[in-house]
PDB file of all heavy atoms in Angstrom:
ATOM      1  N   ILE A   1      67.682  43.365  94.834  1.00  0.00           N
ATOM      2  CA  ILE A   1      67.915  44.166  95.875  1.00  0.00           C
ATOM      3  C   ILE A   1      69.264  43.579  96.659  1.00  0.00           C
ATOM      4  O   ILE A   1      69.277  42.470  96.984  1.00  0.00           O
ATOM      5  CB  ILE A   1      66.745  44.316  96.946  1.00  0.00           C
ATOM      6  CG1 ILE A   1      65.454  44.568  96.162  1.00  0.00           C
ATOM      7  CG2 ILE A   1      67.078  45.194  97.970  1.00  0.00           C
ATOM      8  CD1 ILE A   1      64.251  44.662  97.222  1.00  0.00           C
ATOM      9  N   ALA A   2      70.282  44.456  96.842  1.00  0.00           N
ATOM     10  CA  ALA A   2      71.408  44.116  97.515  1.00  0.00           C
ATOM     11  C   ALA A   2      71.101  43.920  99.110  1.00  0.00           C
ATOM     12  O   ALA A   2      69.995  44.407  99.477  1.00  0.00           O
ATOM     13  CB  ALA A   2      72.378  45.173  97.431  1.00  0.00           C
ATOM     14  N   ALA A   3      71.920  43.210  99.779  1.00  0.00           N
ATOM     15  CA  ALA A   3      71.766  42.885 101.203  1.00  0.00           C
ATOM     16  C   ALA A   3      71.555  44.311 101.880  1.00  0.00           C
ATOM     17  O   ALA A   3      72.301  45.181 101.718  1.00  0.00           O
ATOM     18  CB  ALA A   3      72.879  42.282 101.717  1.00  0.00           C
ATOM     19  N   HIS A   4      70.600  44.369 102.790  1.00  0.00           N
ATOM     20  CA  HIS A   4      70.221  45.530 103.620  1.00  0.00           C
ATOM     21  C   HIS A   4      70.140  46.820 102.799  1.00  0.00           C
ATOM     22  O   HIS A   4      70.450  47.969 103.229  1.00  0.00           O
ATOM     23  CB  HIS A   4      71.310  45.760 104.624  1.00  0.00           C
ATOM     24  CG  HIS A   4      71.515  44.549 105.599  1.00  0.00           C
ATOM     25  ND1 HIS A   4      70.551  44.042 106.425  1.00  0.00           N
ATOM     26  CD2 HIS A   4      72.622  43.737 105.675  1.00  0.00           C
ATOM     27  CE1 HIS A   4      71.157  43.033 107.003  1.00  0.00           C
ATOM     28  NE2 HIS A   4      72.281  42.779 106.677  1.00  0.00           N
ATOM     29  N   ASP A   5      69.593  46.516 101.637  1.00  0.00           N
ATOM     30  CA  ASP A   5      69.333  47.713 100.582  1.00  0.00           C
ATOM     31  C   ASP A   5      67.916  47.814 100.388  1.00  0.00           C
ATOM     32  O   ASP A   5      67.132  47.068 100.834  1.00  0.00           O
ATOM     33  CB  ASP A   5      70.158  47.559  99.418  1.00  0.00           C
ATOM     34  CG  ASP A   5      70.340  48.948  98.731  1.00  0.00           C
ATOM     35  OD1 ASP A   5      69.894  49.913  99.131  1.00  0.00           O
ATOM     36  OD2 ASP A   5      71.156  48.887  97.617  1.00  0.00           O
ATOM     37  N   VAL A   6      67.442  48.778  99.496  1.00  0.00           N
ATOM     38  CA  VAL A   6      66.036  49.008  99.269  1.00  0.00           C
ATOM     39  C   VAL A   6      65.849  49.047  97.752  1.00  0.00           C
ATOM     40  O   VAL A   6      66.828  49.342  96.922  1.00  0.00           O
ATOM     41  CB  VAL A   6      65.581  50.361  99.863  1.00  0.00           C
ATOM     42  CG1 VAL A   6      65.582  50.395 101.336  1.00  0.00           C
ATOM     43  CG2 VAL A   6      66.317  51.488  99.364  1.00  0.00           C
ATOM     44  N   TRP A   7      64.653  48.883  97.358  1.00  0.00           N
ATOM     45  CA  TRP A   7      64.288  48.994  95.836  1.00  0.00           C
ATOM     46  C   TRP A   7      63.092  50.086  95.891  1.00  0.00           C
ATOM     47  O   TRP A   7      62.011  49.719  96.492  1.00  0.00           O
ATOM     48  CB  TRP A   7      63.771  47.695  95.340  1.00  0.00           C
ATOM     49  CG  TRP A   7      63.621  47.598  93.925  1.00  0.00           C
ATOM     50  CD1 TRP A   7      62.529  47.593  93.210  1.00  0.00           C
ATOM     51  CD2 TRP A   7      64.649  47.400  92.963  1.00  0.00           C
ATOM     52  NE1 TRP A   7      62.667  47.475  91.832  1.00  0.00           N
ATOM     53  CE2 TRP A   7      64.020  47.445  91.603  1.00  0.00           C
ATOM     54  CE3 TRP A   7      66.033  47.378  92.897  1.00  0.00           C
ATOM     55  CZ2 TRP A   7      64.744  47.274  90.423  1.00  0.00           C
ATOM     56  CZ3 TRP A   7      66.722  47.251  91.810  1.00  0.00           C
ATOM     57  CH2 TRP A   7      66.122  47.202  90.621  1.00  0.00           C
ATOM     58  N   VAL A   8      63.211  51.133  95.109  1.00  0.00           N
ATOM     59  CA  VAL A   8      62.149  52.108  95.036  1.00  0.00           C
ATOM     60  C   VAL A   8      61.423  52.031  93.766  1.00  0.00           C
ATOM     61  O   VAL A   8      62.026  51.933  92.652  1.00  0.00           O
ATOM     62  CB  VAL A   8      62.838  53.466  95.134  1.00  0.00           C
ATOM     63  CG1 VAL A   8      61.803  54.533  94.930  1.00  0.00           C
ATOM     64  CG2 VAL A   8      63.478  53.702  96.418  1.00  0.00           C
ATOM     65  N   VAL A   9      60.044  51.839  93.873  1.00  0.00           N
ATOM     66  CA  VAL A   9      59.169  51.804  92.639  1.00  0.00           C
ATOM     67  C   VAL A   9      58.280  53.100  92.701  1.00  0.00           C
ATOM     68  O   VAL A   9      57.803  53.409  93.793  1.00  0.00           O
ATOM     69  CB  VAL A   9      58.258  50.689  92.699  1.00  0.00           C
ATOM     70  CG1 VAL A   9      57.476  50.543  91.547  1.00  0.00           C
ATOM     71  CG2 VAL A   9      59.106  49.328  92.996  1.00  0.00           C
ATOM     72  N   THR A  10      58.273  53.797  91.523  1.00  0.00           N
ATOM     73  CA  THR A  10      57.419  55.046  91.461  1.00  0.00           C
ATOM     74  C   THR A  10      56.293  54.856  90.505  1.00  0.00           C
ATOM     75  O   THR A  10      56.461  54.025  89.527  1.00  0.00           O
ATOM     76  CB  THR A  10      58.312  56.310  91.237  1.00  0.00           C
ATOM     77  OG1 THR A  10      58.692  56.186  89.992  1.00  0.00           O
ATOM     78  CG2 THR A  10      59.429  56.442  92.170  1.00  0.00           C
ATOM     79  N   ASN A  11      55.379  55.775  90.522  1.00  0.00           N
ATOM     80  CA  ASN A  11      54.337  55.949  89.379  1.00  0.00           C
ATOM     81  C   ASN A  11      55.200  56.345  88.117  1.00  0.00           C
ATOM     82  O   ASN A  11      56.165  57.062  88.223  1.00  0.00           O
ATOM     83  CB  ASN A  11      53.308  56.947  89.785  1.00  0.00           C
ATOM     84  CG  ASN A  11      52.240  57.145  88.839  1.00  0.00           C
ATOM     85  OD1 ASN A  11      52.386  57.624  87.708  1.00  0.00           O
ATOM     86  ND2 ASN A  11      51.172  56.692  89.235  1.00  0.00           N
ATOM     87  N   GLY A  12      54.562  55.952  87.018  1.00  0.00           N
ATOM     88  CA  GLY A  12      55.219  56.214  85.788  1.00  0.00           C
ATOM     89  C   GLY A  12      54.685  57.288  84.897  1.00  0.00           C
ATOM     90  O   GLY A  12      55.112  57.355  83.697  1.00  0.00           O
ATOM     91  N   GLN A  13      53.709  58.045  85.376  1.00  0.00           N
ATOM     92  CA  GLN A  13      53.072  59.002  84.503  1.00  0.00           C
ATOM     93  C   GLN A  13      53.966  60.240  84.386  1.00  0.00           C
ATOM     94  O   GLN A  13      54.084  61.055  85.170  1.00  0.00           O
ATOM     95  CB  GLN A  13      51.754  59.452  85.337  1.00  0.00           C
ATOM     96  CG  GLN A  13      50.779  60.314  84.447  1.00  0.00           C
ATOM     97  CD  GLN A  13      50.036  59.534  83.309  1.00  0.00           C
ATOM     98  OE1 GLN A  13      49.731  58.460  83.617  1.00  0.00           O
ATOM     99  NE2 GLN A  13      49.785  60.058  82.204  1.00  0.00           N
ATOM    100  N   VAL A  14      54.444  60.279  83.150  1.00  0.00           N
ATOM    101  CA  VAL A  14      55.373  61.343  82.830  1.00  0.00           C
ATOM    102  C   VAL A  14      54.710  62.701  82.387  1.00  0.00           C
ATOM    103  O   VAL A  14      55.158  63.706  82.881  1.00  0.00           O
ATOM    104  CB  VAL A  14      56.341  60.935  81.756  1.00  0.00           C
ATOM    105  CG1 VAL A  14      57.367  62.011  81.363  1.00  0.00           C
ATOM    106  CG2 VAL A  14      57.201  59.609  82.143  1.00  0.00           C
ATOM    107  N   THR A  15      53.711  62.523  81.587  1.00  0.00           N
ATOM    108  CA  THR A  15      53.050  63.808  81.194  1.00  0.00           C
ATOM    109  C   THR A  15      51.719  63.904  81.718  1.00  0.00           C
ATOM    110  O   THR A  15      51.144  62.899  82.173  1.00  0.00           O
ATOM    111  CB  THR A  15      52.886  63.745  79.596  1.00  0.00           C
ATOM    112  OG1 THR A  15      52.095  62.441  79.243  1.00  0.00           O
ATOM    113  CG2 THR A  15      54.155  63.670  78.810  1.00  0.00           C
ATOM    114  N   PRO A  16      51.125  65.152  81.895  1.00  0.00           N
ATOM    115  CA  PRO A  16      49.783  65.320  82.557  1.00  0.00           C
ATOM    116  C   PRO A  16      48.749  64.427  81.883  1.00  0.00           C
ATOM    117  O   PRO A  16      48.760  64.306  80.512  1.00  0.00           O
ATOM    118  CB  PRO A  16      49.641  66.832  82.310  1.00  0.00           C
ATOM    119  CG  PRO A  16      50.973  67.419  82.249  1.00  0.00           C
ATOM    120  CD  PRO A  16      51.752  66.321  81.446  1.00  0.00           C
ATOM    121  N   ASP A  17      47.922  63.831  82.545  1.00  0.00           N
ATOM    122  CA  ASP A  17      46.780  63.019  82.023  1.00  0.00           C
ATOM    123  C   ASP A  17      45.453  63.945  81.881  1.00  0.00           C
ATOM    124  O   ASP A  17      45.782  65.131  82.021  1.00  0.00           O
ATOM    125  CB  ASP A  17      46.562  61.726  82.813  1.00  0.00           C
ATOM    126  CG  ASP A  17      46.111  62.020  84.336  1.00  0.00           C
ATOM    127  OD1 ASP A  17      45.820  63.204  84.702  1.00  0.00           O
ATOM    128  OD2 ASP A  17      46.186  61.126  85.111  1.00  0.00           O
ATOM    129  N   ALA A  18      44.378  63.282  81.760  1.00  0.00           N
ATOM    130  CA  ALA A  18      43.128  63.966  81.671  1.00  0.00           C
ATOM    131  C   ALA A  18      42.880  65.031  82.875  1.00  0.00           C
ATOM    132  O   ALA A  18      42.192  66.022  82.815  1.00  0.00           O
ATOM    133  CB  ALA A  18      41.949  63.067  81.439  1.00  0.00           C
ATOM    134  N   ASN A  19      43.369  64.590  84.017  1.00  0.00           N
ATOM    135  CA  ASN A  19      43.208  65.420  85.278  1.00  0.00           C
ATOM    136  C   ASN A  19      44.485  66.426  85.446  1.00  0.00           C
ATOM    137  O   ASN A  19      44.627  66.927  86.682  1.00  0.00           O
ATOM    138  CB  ASN A  19      42.947  64.549  86.478  1.00  0.00           C
ATOM    139  CG  ASN A  19      41.902  63.729  86.256  1.00  0.00           C
ATOM    140  OD1 ASN A  19      40.695  64.101  85.978  1.00  0.00           O
ATOM    141  ND2 ASN A  19      41.897  62.286  86.692  1.00  0.00           N
ATOM    142  N   SER A  20      45.263  66.543  84.630  1.00  0.00           N
ATOM    143  CA  SER A  20      46.504  67.335  84.661  1.00  0.00           C
ATOM    144  C   SER A  20      47.365  66.886  85.646  1.00  0.00           C
ATOM    145  O   SER A  20      48.125  67.640  86.333  1.00  0.00           O
ATOM    146  CB  SER A  20      46.114  68.743  84.930  1.00  0.00           C
ATOM    147  OG  SER A  20      45.264  69.311  83.752  1.00  0.00           O
ATOM    148  N   ALA A  21      47.426  65.696  85.865  1.00  0.00           N
ATOM    149  CA  ALA A  21      48.207  64.973  87.018  1.00  0.00           C
ATOM    150  C   ALA A  21      49.336  64.262  86.452  1.00  0.00           C
ATOM    151  O   ALA A  21      49.370  63.626  85.302  1.00  0.00           O
ATOM    152  CB  ALA A  21      47.460  64.067  87.821  1.00  0.00           C
ATOM    153  N   PHE A  22      50.583  64.231  87.025  1.00  0.00           N
ATOM    154  CA  PHE A  22      51.703  63.501  86.573  1.00  0.00           C
ATOM    155  C   PHE A  22      52.522  63.162  87.874  1.00  0.00           C
ATOM    156  O   PHE A  22      52.433  63.755  88.825  1.00  0.00           O
ATOM    157  CB  PHE A  22      52.517  64.251  85.581  1.00  0.00           C
ATOM    158  CG  PHE A  22      52.965  65.596  86.009  1.00  0.00           C
ATOM    159  CD1 PHE A  22      54.142  65.758  86.596  1.00  0.00           C
ATOM    160  CD2 PHE A  22      52.056  66.659  85.966  1.00  0.00           C
ATOM    161  CE1 PHE A  22      54.836  66.904  86.844  1.00  0.00           C
ATOM    162  CE2 PHE A  22      52.635  67.989  86.325  1.00  0.00           C
ATOM    163  CZ  PHE A  22      53.930  68.017  86.899  1.00  0.00           C
ATOM    164  N   CYS A  23      53.603  62.308  87.665  1.00  0.00           N
ATOM    165  CA  CYS A  23      54.646  61.980  88.816  1.00  0.00           C
ATOM    166  C   CYS A  23      55.638  63.106  88.769  1.00  0.00           C
ATOM    167  O   CYS A  23      56.128  63.365  87.648  1.00  0.00           O
ATOM    168  CB  CYS A  23      55.037  60.661  88.664  1.00  0.00           C
ATOM    169  SG  CYS A  23      56.209  60.113  90.078  1.00  0.00           S
ATOM    170  N   ASP A  24      55.945  63.645  89.738  1.00  0.00           N
ATOM    171  CA  ASP A  24      57.065  64.631  89.871  1.00  0.00           C
ATOM    172  C   ASP A  24      58.450  64.080  89.459  1.00  0.00           C
ATOM    173  O   ASP A  24      58.747  62.995  89.781  1.00  0.00           O
ATOM    174  CB  ASP A  24      57.242  65.167  91.346  1.00  0.00           C
ATOM    175  CG  ASP A  24      58.061  66.359  91.507  1.00  0.00           C
ATOM    176  OD1 ASP A  24      59.206  66.390  90.891  1.00  0.00           O
ATOM    177  OD2 ASP A  24      57.675  67.184  92.054  1.00  0.00           O
ATOM    178  N   PRO A  25      59.107  64.749  88.372  1.00  0.00           N
ATOM    179  CA  PRO A  25      60.261  64.049  87.915  1.00  0.00           C
ATOM    180  C   PRO A  25      61.251  63.915  88.852  1.00  0.00           C
ATOM    181  O   PRO A  25      62.114  62.981  88.810  1.00  0.00           O
ATOM    182  CB  PRO A  25      60.725  65.198  86.840  1.00  0.00           C
ATOM    183  CG  PRO A  25      59.472  65.981  86.517  1.00  0.00           C
ATOM    184  CD  PRO A  25      58.539  65.854  87.733  1.00  0.00           C
ATOM    185  N   ILE A  26      61.277  64.846  89.905  1.00  0.00           N
ATOM    186  CA  ILE A  26      62.446  64.450  91.117  1.00  0.00           C
ATOM    187  C   ILE A  26      62.172  63.260  91.708  1.00  0.00           C
ATOM    188  O   ILE A  26      63.166  62.483  91.897  1.00  0.00           O
ATOM    189  CB  ILE A  26      62.301  65.713  92.072  1.00  0.00           C
ATOM    190  CG1 ILE A  26      62.666  66.988  91.350  1.00  0.00           C
ATOM    191  CG2 ILE A  26      63.260  65.451  93.287  1.00  0.00           C
ATOM    192  CD1 ILE A  26      62.635  68.186  92.317  1.00  0.00           C
TER     193      ILE A  26
END
């Protein structure tokens, strides 16, 4: 992480799972 910057971590579920859930590609 650069000075005064941020690091964004997201969920990695690309395709729908058993509950038809996934992380929005945006």
